[in-house]
Amino acid sequence: MQKKKERFYAGIMMLIKVRMPILIKVKGYTRVRNGKIEKVHSYYRIVKGR
C-alpha cells in the first residue's frame, strides 16, 4: 500500500512541474492598424511548458 502512495505523489509532482507557466519577453515593434502606425511596447507572454 505504501508503494502506491509514493507513486501517486510522484505522479502529482511530475504534473505540477510540467504545467508550470514560462514567461517569455516579447520585444517592442510597430504595427499598422486602420492605416495608422502604432508602437507596441515590449511585454511578457505566458507559455505553457515543461
N, C-alpha and C. Protein backbone atom coordinates (compact mmCIF):
# COMPACT_ATOMS: atom_id res chain seq x y z
N MET A 1 0.82 -1.19 0.00
CA MET A 1 0.00 0.00 0.00
C MET A 1 0.87 1.26 0.00
N GLN A 2 1.98 1.20 0.70
CA GLN A 2 2.87 2.35 0.79
C GLN A 2 3.48 2.70 -0.57
N LYS A 3 3.80 1.70 -1.38
CA LYS A 3 4.40 1.95 -2.69
C LYS A 3 3.43 2.71 -3.61
N LYS A 4 2.15 2.39 -3.55
CA LYS A 4 1.17 3.06 -4.39
C LYS A 4 1.07 4.54 -4.05
N LYS A 5 1.12 4.87 -2.77
CA LYS A 5 1.05 6.27 -2.36
C LYS A 5 2.27 7.04 -2.85
N GLU A 6 3.44 6.41 -2.76
CA GLU A 6 4.65 7.08 -3.23
C GLU A 6 4.57 7.34 -4.72
N ARG A 7 4.09 6.38 -5.48
CA ARG A 7 3.96 6.58 -6.93
C ARG A 7 2.94 7.67 -7.24
N PHE A 8 1.86 7.69 -6.49
CA PHE A 8 0.81 8.69 -6.68
C PHE A 8 1.37 10.09 -6.47
N TYR A 9 2.10 10.30 -5.38
CA TYR A 9 2.68 11.61 -5.10
C TYR A 9 3.72 11.98 -6.14
N ALA A 10 4.50 11.02 -6.59
CA ALA A 10 5.50 11.29 -7.62
C ALA A 10 4.81 11.72 -8.92
N GLY A 11 3.68 11.10 -9.24
CA GLY A 11 2.93 11.47 -10.44
C GLY A 11 2.39 12.88 -10.35
N ILE A 12 1.91 13.27 -9.18
CA ILE A 12 1.41 14.63 -8.98
C ILE A 12 2.54 15.64 -9.12
N MET A 13 3.68 15.34 -8.56
CA MET A 13 4.83 16.24 -8.66
C MET A 13 5.24 16.42 -10.12
N MET A 14 5.23 15.36 -10.91
CA MET A 14 5.58 15.45 -12.32
C MET A 14 4.59 16.34 -13.06
N LEU A 15 3.29 16.20 -12.78
CA LEU A 15 2.29 17.03 -13.44
C LEU A 15 2.47 18.50 -13.09
N ILE A 16 2.76 18.79 -11.84
CA ILE A 16 2.95 20.18 -11.42
C ILE A 16 4.17 20.77 -12.12
N LYS A 17 5.25 20.02 -12.21
CA LYS A 17 6.46 20.53 -12.85
C LYS A 17 6.25 20.77 -14.34
N VAL A 18 5.51 19.89 -14.99
CA VAL A 18 5.33 20.00 -16.44
C VAL A 18 4.43 21.19 -16.79
N ARG A 19 3.46 21.50 -15.96
CA ARG A 19 2.46 22.51 -16.29
C ARG A 19 2.81 23.92 -15.81
N MET A 20 4.04 24.14 -15.38
CA MET A 20 4.42 25.46 -14.90
C MET A 20 4.46 26.46 -16.05
N PRO A 21 3.87 27.65 -15.90
CA PRO A 21 3.93 28.65 -16.97
C PRO A 21 5.33 29.26 -17.05
N ILE A 22 5.74 29.59 -18.26
CA ILE A 22 7.04 30.20 -18.50
C ILE A 22 6.81 31.57 -19.10
N LEU A 23 7.48 32.58 -18.60
CA LEU A 23 7.36 33.93 -19.14
C LEU A 23 8.43 34.16 -20.19
N ILE A 24 8.01 34.58 -21.38
CA ILE A 24 8.93 34.90 -22.47
C ILE A 24 8.77 36.37 -22.79
N LYS A 25 9.89 37.10 -22.88
CA LYS A 25 9.82 38.53 -23.18
C LYS A 25 9.70 38.74 -24.68
N VAL A 26 8.70 39.52 -25.09
CA VAL A 26 8.48 39.86 -26.50
C VAL A 26 9.00 41.27 -26.70
N LYS A 27 9.86 41.45 -27.70
CA LYS A 27 10.42 42.77 -27.96
C LYS A 27 9.37 43.71 -28.53
N GLY A 28 9.57 45.02 -28.34
CA GLY A 28 8.66 46.01 -28.88
C GLY A 28 8.76 46.06 -30.40
N TYR A 29 7.66 46.42 -31.05
CA TYR A 29 7.63 46.50 -32.51
C TYR A 29 6.55 47.49 -32.93
N THR A 30 6.50 47.79 -34.22
CA THR A 30 5.46 48.67 -34.74
C THR A 30 4.54 47.86 -35.63
N ARG A 31 3.26 48.25 -35.65
CA ARG A 31 2.29 47.58 -36.50
C ARG A 31 1.37 48.62 -37.11
N VAL A 32 0.73 48.23 -38.20
CA VAL A 32 -0.21 49.11 -38.88
C VAL A 32 -1.62 48.62 -38.57
N ARG A 33 -2.43 49.51 -38.00
CA ARG A 33 -3.81 49.17 -37.68
C ARG A 33 -4.71 50.32 -38.14
N ASN A 34 -5.66 50.01 -39.00
CA ASN A 34 -6.58 51.01 -39.58
C ASN A 34 -5.83 52.12 -40.30
N GLY A 35 -4.75 51.76 -40.97
CA GLY A 35 -3.97 52.74 -41.73
C GLY A 35 -3.06 53.61 -40.89
N LYS A 36 -2.99 53.39 -39.61
CA LYS A 36 -2.12 54.17 -38.72
C LYS A 36 -1.01 53.28 -38.19
N ILE A 37 0.16 53.87 -38.00
CA ILE A 37 1.29 53.14 -37.43
C ILE A 37 1.27 53.36 -35.92
N GLU A 38 1.31 52.28 -35.17
CA GLU A 38 1.33 52.40 -33.71
C GLU A 38 2.45 51.55 -33.14
N LYS A 39 3.03 52.03 -32.06
CA LYS A 39 4.11 51.32 -31.39
C LYS A 39 3.53 50.35 -30.37
N VAL A 40 4.11 49.15 -30.34
CA VAL A 40 3.74 48.15 -29.34
C VAL A 40 4.94 47.99 -28.41
N HIS A 41 4.72 48.22 -27.13
CA HIS A 41 5.81 48.11 -26.15
C HIS A 41 6.17 46.65 -25.91
N SER A 42 7.34 46.43 -25.36
CA SER A 42 7.72 45.07 -25.01
C SER A 42 6.85 44.58 -23.86
N TYR A 43 6.60 43.29 -23.84
CA TYR A 43 5.75 42.71 -22.81
C TYR A 43 6.13 41.25 -22.61
N TYR A 44 5.63 40.65 -21.55
CA TYR A 44 5.88 39.25 -21.25
C TYR A 44 4.67 38.41 -21.63
N ARG A 45 4.93 37.29 -22.30
CA ARG A 45 3.86 36.39 -22.73
C ARG A 45 4.02 35.08 -21.97
N ILE A 46 2.91 34.52 -21.52
CA ILE A 46 2.94 33.26 -20.78
C ILE A 46 2.84 32.10 -21.77
N VAL A 47 3.77 31.16 -21.64
CA VAL A 47 3.78 29.97 -22.49
C VAL A 47 3.75 28.75 -21.60
N LYS A 48 2.89 27.81 -21.90
CA LYS A 48 2.84 26.57 -21.12
C LYS A 48 3.97 25.68 -21.57
N GLY A 49 4.78 25.26 -20.64
CA GLY A 49 5.92 24.43 -21.00
C GLY A 49 6.29 23.49 -19.88
N ARG A 50 7.50 22.97 -19.98
CA ARG A 50 7.96 21.99 -19.00
C ARG A 50 8.63 22.67 -17.85
